Protein backbone atom coordinates (compact mmCIF):
# COMPACT_ATOMS: atom_id res chain seq x y z
CA MET A 1 76.86 -178.92 -190.71
CA SER A 2 77.83 -175.39 -191.59
CA ARG A 3 75.62 -172.35 -190.71
CA VAL A 4 74.87 -171.62 -194.36
CA ALA A 5 73.76 -175.21 -194.98
CA LYS A 6 71.43 -175.11 -191.94
CA THR A 7 69.83 -171.88 -193.18
CA VAL A 8 69.13 -173.40 -196.58
CA VAL A 9 67.57 -176.51 -195.08
CA ILE A 10 65.27 -174.44 -192.77
CA ALA A 11 64.12 -172.25 -195.69
CA LEU A 12 63.25 -175.28 -197.82
CA SER A 13 61.33 -176.87 -194.96
CA MET A 14 59.25 -173.70 -194.42
CA ALA A 15 58.41 -173.45 -198.14
CA ALA A 16 57.31 -177.10 -198.22
CA ALA A 17 55.12 -176.54 -195.18
CA ILE A 18 53.47 -173.46 -196.67
CA GLY A 19 52.81 -175.26 -199.92
CA CYS A 20 51.21 -178.20 -198.17
CA THR A 21 48.89 -176.06 -196.05
CA SER A 22 47.67 -173.50 -198.71
CA SER A 23 46.96 -175.67 -201.72
CA PRO A 24 44.16 -177.81 -200.20
CA ALA A 25 42.34 -174.73 -198.76
CA ALA A 26 41.84 -172.97 -202.12
CA PRO A 27 39.36 -175.45 -203.66
CA PRO A 28 36.79 -175.15 -200.84
CA ILE A 29 36.70 -171.35 -201.29
CA THR A 30 36.03 -171.78 -205.03
CA VAL A 31 33.26 -174.30 -204.39
CA ALA A 32 31.56 -172.07 -201.85
CA ALA A 33 31.47 -169.19 -204.33
CA ALA A 34 30.02 -171.40 -207.03
CA GLU A 35 27.33 -172.63 -204.66
CA ALA A 36 26.32 -169.07 -203.61
CA THR A 37 25.68 -167.89 -207.18
CA PRO A 38 22.86 -170.24 -208.17
CA SER A 39 21.14 -169.85 -204.78
CA ARG A 40 20.13 -166.21 -205.71
CA THR A 41 19.02 -166.83 -209.28
CA PRO A 42 15.74 -168.70 -208.59
CA ALA A 43 14.57 -166.00 -206.14
CA SER A 44 14.98 -163.30 -208.81
CA ALA A 45 13.16 -165.34 -211.40
CA VAL A 46 10.18 -165.91 -209.10
CA THR A 47 9.83 -162.17 -208.39
CA THR A 48 9.80 -161.34 -212.09
CA SER A 49 7.20 -163.95 -212.96
CA THR A 50 4.73 -162.61 -210.37
CA GLN A 51 4.58 -159.17 -211.99
CA GLU A 52 1.65 -158.88 -214.44
CA PRO A 53 2.79 -157.55 -217.84
CA GLU A 54 1.32 -154.16 -218.62
CA PHE A 55 1.05 -151.91 -221.70
CA MET A 56 1.15 -148.15 -221.23
CA ALA A 57 0.09 -145.40 -223.66
CA SER A 58 0.02 -141.64 -223.20
CA GLY A 59 -2.79 -139.29 -224.19
CA PRO A 60 -4.50 -136.00 -223.33
CA ILE A 61 -7.15 -135.45 -220.68
CA ILE A 62 -10.15 -134.01 -222.51
CA VAL A 63 -13.79 -133.10 -221.94
CA GLU A 64 -16.63 -133.37 -224.40
CA ASN A 65 -17.82 -129.75 -223.99
CA GLN A 66 -15.02 -127.33 -224.83
CA VAL A 67 -15.69 -124.49 -227.27
CA ASP A 68 -14.69 -121.02 -228.32
CA VAL A 69 -17.67 -118.70 -227.78
CA ALA A 70 -17.85 -116.51 -230.88
CA ALA A 71 -19.72 -113.31 -231.68
CA GLN A 72 -22.97 -113.82 -233.59
CA ARG A 73 -23.14 -110.24 -234.86
CA ASP A 74 -21.05 -107.11 -235.29
CA GLY A 75 -20.90 -104.65 -232.44
CA VAL A 76 -19.00 -102.95 -229.66
CA ILE A 77 -18.37 -104.59 -226.27
CA THR A 78 -20.01 -102.52 -223.52
CA LYS A 79 -19.71 -104.94 -220.61
CA VAL A 80 -17.43 -107.86 -219.64
CA VAL A 81 -18.79 -109.85 -216.71
CA ALA A 82 -16.72 -113.05 -216.69
CA ASP A 83 -12.94 -113.37 -216.62
CA ALA A 84 -10.59 -116.36 -216.93
CA GLY A 85 -11.01 -118.88 -214.13
CA ARG A 86 -14.63 -118.06 -213.35
CA GLN A 87 -17.11 -120.89 -212.86
CA VAL A 88 -20.23 -120.28 -214.97
CA LYS A 89 -23.64 -121.86 -215.44
CA LYS A 90 -25.40 -122.47 -218.73
CA GLY A 91 -27.00 -119.25 -219.94
CA GLU A 92 -25.02 -117.02 -217.55
CA LEU A 93 -24.00 -113.64 -218.99
CA LEU A 94 -20.34 -113.38 -220.00
CA ALA A 95 -20.33 -110.05 -221.88
CA ALA A 96 -22.74 -107.65 -223.65
CA LEU A 97 -22.69 -105.60 -226.87
CA ASP A 98 -24.14 -102.14 -227.49
CA ASP A 99 -27.87 -102.83 -228.00
CA ARG A 100 -29.33 -99.33 -228.18
CA GLN A 101 -30.19 -99.35 -231.88
CA ILE A 102 -31.67 -102.83 -231.80
CA SER A 103 -33.70 -101.97 -228.69
CA ALA A 104 -35.14 -98.92 -230.42
CA ASP A 105 -36.01 -100.91 -233.54
CA LEU A 106 -37.63 -103.57 -231.40
CA ALA A 107 -39.73 -101.00 -229.56
CA ALA A 108 -40.95 -99.60 -232.89
CA ALA A 109 -41.74 -103.11 -234.16
CA ARG A 110 -43.74 -103.90 -231.02
CA ALA A 111 -45.70 -100.65 -231.43
CA LYS A 112 -46.48 -101.55 -235.02
CA THR A 113 -47.63 -105.02 -233.95
CA ARG A 114 -50.01 -103.49 -231.38
CA SER A 115 -51.37 -101.09 -233.97
CA THR A 116 -51.95 -103.85 -236.50
CA GLU A 117 -53.67 -105.97 -233.85
CA ASN A 118 -56.07 -103.08 -233.23
CA ASP A 119 -56.70 -102.66 -236.97
CA LEU A 120 -57.51 -106.34 -237.23
CA LYS A 121 -60.01 -106.15 -234.40
CA ASN A 122 -61.65 -103.16 -236.09
CA TRP A 123 -61.92 -104.97 -239.44
CA GLU A 124 -63.24 -108.10 -237.79
CA SER A 125 -65.96 -106.08 -236.01
CA GLU A 126 -66.94 -104.32 -239.23
CA ALA A 127 -67.01 -107.64 -241.06
CA MET A 128 -69.42 -109.02 -238.47
CA VAL A 129 -71.71 -106.05 -238.93
CA LEU A 130 -71.70 -106.36 -242.72
CA ASP A 131 -72.36 -110.05 -242.47
CA VAL A 132 -75.40 -109.36 -240.32
CA ASP A 133 -76.56 -106.79 -242.86
CA TYR A 134 -76.22 -109.36 -245.62
CA GLN A 135 -78.21 -111.95 -243.68
CA ARG A 136 -80.98 -109.36 -243.12
CA ALA A 137 -80.94 -108.37 -246.80
CA ALA A 138 -81.28 -112.00 -247.80
CA LYS A 139 -84.46 -112.35 -245.69
CA MET A 140 -85.86 -109.11 -247.09
CA TRP A 141 -85.23 -110.26 -250.64
CA GLU A 142 -87.02 -113.53 -249.89
CA ALA A 143 -89.96 -111.43 -248.65
CA GLN A 144 -89.67 -109.39 -251.85
CA ILE A 145 -89.08 -106.23 -249.90
CA ILE A 146 -85.82 -105.32 -251.64
CA SER A 147 -84.50 -105.85 -255.15
CA LYS A 148 -81.92 -108.42 -256.21
CA GLU A 149 -79.51 -105.57 -256.83
CA GLN A 150 -79.68 -104.45 -253.20
CA LEU A 151 -79.11 -108.05 -252.05
CA ASP A 152 -76.00 -108.40 -254.23
CA HIS A 153 -74.69 -105.09 -252.97
CA ALA A 154 -74.91 -106.25 -249.33
CA LYS A 155 -73.33 -109.60 -250.26
CA PHE A 156 -70.35 -108.08 -252.08
CA LYS A 157 -69.73 -105.56 -249.29
CA ALA A 158 -69.64 -108.35 -246.69
CA GLU A 159 -67.23 -110.42 -248.82
CA SER A 160 -65.00 -107.40 -249.37
CA ASP A 161 -64.63 -106.90 -245.65
CA GLN A 162 -63.65 -110.54 -245.20
CA TRP A 163 -60.77 -109.98 -247.61
CA ASP A 164 -59.71 -106.92 -245.64
CA VAL A 165 -59.68 -109.05 -242.49
CA LYS A 166 -57.37 -111.55 -244.22
CA ARG A 167 -55.14 -108.74 -245.51
CA VAL A 168 -54.70 -107.22 -242.07
CA SER A 169 -54.15 -110.66 -240.55
CA GLU A 170 -51.19 -111.12 -242.90
CA LEU A 171 -49.86 -107.70 -241.94
CA LEU A 172 -50.10 -108.68 -238.29
CA ALA A 173 -48.26 -111.95 -238.92
CA ASN A 174 -45.49 -110.06 -240.73
CA ALA A 175 -45.24 -107.50 -237.90
CA ARG A 176 -44.88 -110.28 -235.38
CA GLU A 177 -42.12 -111.95 -237.41
CA VAL A 178 -40.21 -108.68 -237.63
CA GLU A 179 -40.60 -108.27 -233.86
CA HIS A 180 -39.36 -111.84 -233.27
CA SER A 181 -36.39 -111.28 -235.61
CA LEU A 182 -35.35 -108.20 -233.68
CA GLU A 183 -35.73 -110.09 -230.42
CA LEU A 184 -33.29 -112.68 -231.75
CA GLU A 185 -30.86 -109.93 -232.76
CA LEU A 186 -31.17 -108.44 -229.28
CA GLU A 187 -30.31 -111.85 -227.75
CA LYS A 188 -27.16 -111.92 -229.88
CA THR A 189 -25.93 -108.83 -228.03
CA ARG A 190 -25.81 -110.92 -224.85
CA ILE A 191 -22.87 -113.34 -224.80
CA THR A 192 -23.80 -116.25 -222.54
CA ALA A 193 -22.21 -119.50 -221.40
CA PRO A 194 -23.27 -122.41 -223.63
CA PHE A 195 -23.00 -124.96 -220.78
CA ASP A 196 -21.86 -125.34 -217.16
CA GLY A 197 -18.09 -125.00 -216.92
CA ILE A 198 -15.25 -122.60 -216.44
CA VAL A 199 -13.98 -119.65 -218.48
CA ALA A 200 -10.52 -120.74 -219.62
CA ARG A 201 -9.66 -117.60 -221.63
CA ARG A 202 -11.01 -114.14 -222.36
CA TYR A 203 -10.12 -112.51 -225.68
CA VAL A 204 -12.06 -109.21 -225.51
CA ARG A 205 -12.21 -106.03 -223.48
CA VAL A 206 -14.75 -103.24 -222.95
CA GLY A 207 -14.92 -100.80 -225.86
CA GLN A 208 -13.53 -103.29 -228.38
CA SER A 209 -15.24 -103.43 -231.76
CA ILE A 210 -15.85 -106.97 -232.91
CA ASN A 211 -17.11 -108.70 -236.06
CA ARG A 212 -19.30 -111.70 -236.45
CA SER A 213 -17.48 -115.00 -235.72
CA ASP A 214 -14.71 -113.30 -233.68
CA ARG A 215 -13.59 -115.36 -230.67
CA LEU A 216 -14.72 -113.83 -227.38
CA PHE A 217 -14.22 -116.51 -224.71
CA TRP A 218 -12.97 -120.07 -224.38
CA VAL A 219 -15.31 -122.04 -222.12
CA THR A 220 -14.62 -125.60 -221.06
CA ALA A 221 -16.47 -128.09 -218.93
CA VAL A 222 -14.61 -129.60 -215.97
CA ALA A 223 -16.37 -132.96 -215.94
CA PRO A 224 -16.63 -135.71 -216.92
CA LEU A 225 -12.93 -136.08 -217.72
CA ARG A 226 -11.86 -138.40 -220.50
CA ILE A 227 -8.61 -139.67 -221.96
CA ARG A 228 -7.97 -140.45 -225.65
CA VAL A 229 -5.08 -142.73 -226.61
CA THR A 230 -3.90 -144.79 -229.55
CA LEU A 231 -3.06 -148.45 -229.13
CA PRO A 232 -1.27 -150.91 -231.43
CA GLU A 233 -3.35 -152.85 -233.91
CA ARG A 234 -3.06 -156.05 -231.86
CA PHE A 235 -5.48 -154.65 -229.27
CA LEU A 236 -8.30 -154.46 -231.84
CA GLY A 237 -11.01 -156.84 -230.68
CA ARG A 238 -9.35 -157.33 -227.29
CA VAL A 239 -10.07 -153.97 -225.70
CA LYS A 240 -13.84 -153.58 -225.27
CA SER A 241 -16.26 -150.96 -224.00
CA GLY A 242 -16.76 -151.18 -220.25
CA GLU A 243 -13.23 -152.44 -219.55
CA LEU A 244 -11.52 -150.85 -216.52
CA VAL A 245 -8.05 -149.27 -216.88
CA GLY A 246 -5.64 -147.34 -214.67
CA ILE A 247 -4.63 -143.72 -215.22
CA THR A 248 -1.60 -141.87 -213.82
CA PRO A 249 -0.39 -138.28 -214.51
CA ALA A 250 2.33 -138.41 -217.17
CA GLU A 251 4.59 -135.90 -215.40
CA GLU A 252 4.83 -138.05 -212.27
CA GLN A 253 7.71 -140.48 -212.71
CA SER A 254 6.89 -142.33 -209.48
CA ALA A 255 3.14 -142.48 -210.33
CA THR A 256 2.04 -141.72 -206.77
CA ARG A 257 -1.48 -140.73 -207.85
CA HIS A 258 -3.67 -143.39 -209.43
CA TYR A 259 -7.07 -142.89 -211.09
CA ARG A 260 -9.63 -145.19 -212.62
CA ALA A 261 -11.31 -145.02 -216.00
CA ARG A 262 -13.76 -147.10 -218.02
CA VAL A 263 -13.41 -147.59 -221.78
CA ILE A 264 -16.44 -146.05 -223.50
CA GLN A 265 -15.42 -146.13 -227.15
CA VAL A 266 -13.07 -148.18 -229.30
CA SER A 267 -12.39 -147.31 -232.93
CA PRO A 268 -13.77 -150.05 -235.16
CA VAL A 269 -11.09 -149.45 -237.83
CA VAL A 270 -7.28 -149.33 -237.89
CA ASP A 271 -5.43 -146.21 -239.00
CA PRO A 272 -3.42 -147.49 -241.98
CA SER A 273 -0.77 -144.81 -241.59
CA SER A 274 0.19 -145.83 -238.07
CA ASP A 275 -1.38 -149.30 -237.60
CA THR A 276 -3.11 -148.10 -234.47
CA ILE A 277 -6.63 -147.86 -233.08
CA GLU A 278 -8.11 -145.03 -231.03
CA VAL A 279 -9.57 -145.67 -227.58
CA LEU A 280 -11.61 -143.25 -225.46
CA ALA A 281 -12.04 -143.85 -221.71
CA GLU A 282 -13.98 -141.84 -219.12
CA LEU A 283 -12.59 -141.29 -215.62
CA TYR A 284 -14.80 -141.94 -212.62
CA GLY A 285 -14.48 -141.59 -208.90
CA ASP A 286 -12.11 -138.98 -207.41
CA THR A 287 -10.45 -136.98 -210.21
CA SER A 288 -9.02 -134.19 -208.14
CA GLY A 289 -5.65 -133.10 -209.42
CA LEU A 290 -6.52 -133.67 -213.09
CA ARG A 291 -7.44 -130.89 -215.50
CA PRO A 292 -8.42 -130.80 -219.18
CA GLY A 293 -5.33 -130.50 -221.36
CA MET A 294 -3.02 -132.47 -219.05
CA ARG A 295 -1.32 -135.60 -220.38
CA ALA A 296 -1.77 -138.88 -218.60
CA ASP A 297 -0.62 -142.49 -218.90
CA PHE A 298 -3.14 -145.18 -219.81
CA HIS A 299 -2.28 -148.50 -218.15
CA LEU A 300 -3.71 -151.62 -219.72
CA ALA A 301 -2.97 -155.21 -218.89
CA GLU A 302 -0.89 -156.76 -221.67
CA LEU A 303 -2.88 -159.50 -223.39
CA PRO A 304 -1.30 -162.79 -224.50
């Protein structure tokens, strides 16, 4: 056999051998891959089914007591005691207005009240004396010692004094009302905290002239904290007062801080414009890290 013919025969033999050895091996590889795929699917499905479905809504952290403290009368600020960030107690002084004129008027009113009180005592004493004179005159008339005219004179004089006593009593009541009115006006020159809380903002400075109803301070309570959210209509009748929910700060994507709240109010009607209900929950336990005005996420178990 020639060299060329031997080379051709060897090449054909090698090709046949390669074909016989590779073609049976391919199917087992394909079968193994097919078997590996379904083996992972049930594990994933089990993990998903164990997670409890949850509904989340976002809302603001609020407090019930949060107001702008406004001026109750015109005046000029003479003192500012509290600044933003200060903790205050109910009735604590925040600022003061110029009270010199009102203080002077109040002193005059108190003096008038004292004078009228003295006048009333004087009239009451005189009325007692005239009443005694009338009683004596009545006995003397019965004994026919004095005339009827003298008896009537004593009677009318005693009655006249009684009317004077009533007149001065009314003057005294009016003087006391004027005094009380000025005391109320004097109280209006003292700007005080309406409840325990913190001064969030200050809008005035010493020497500033203000008018009635002008904003002076913004005071807010720091507890108890609440969250107000809106939920879809389907939660009406399912979310009830007393139910516990989870709260997380809205800015934290990983939700590392968790808080607890209890539903205290559920709107009994549905807002027709948005098909939602309003829910109010109050936080309890440790609420450090939360402040009024922050937004938080309201986590509620999804109901079937």
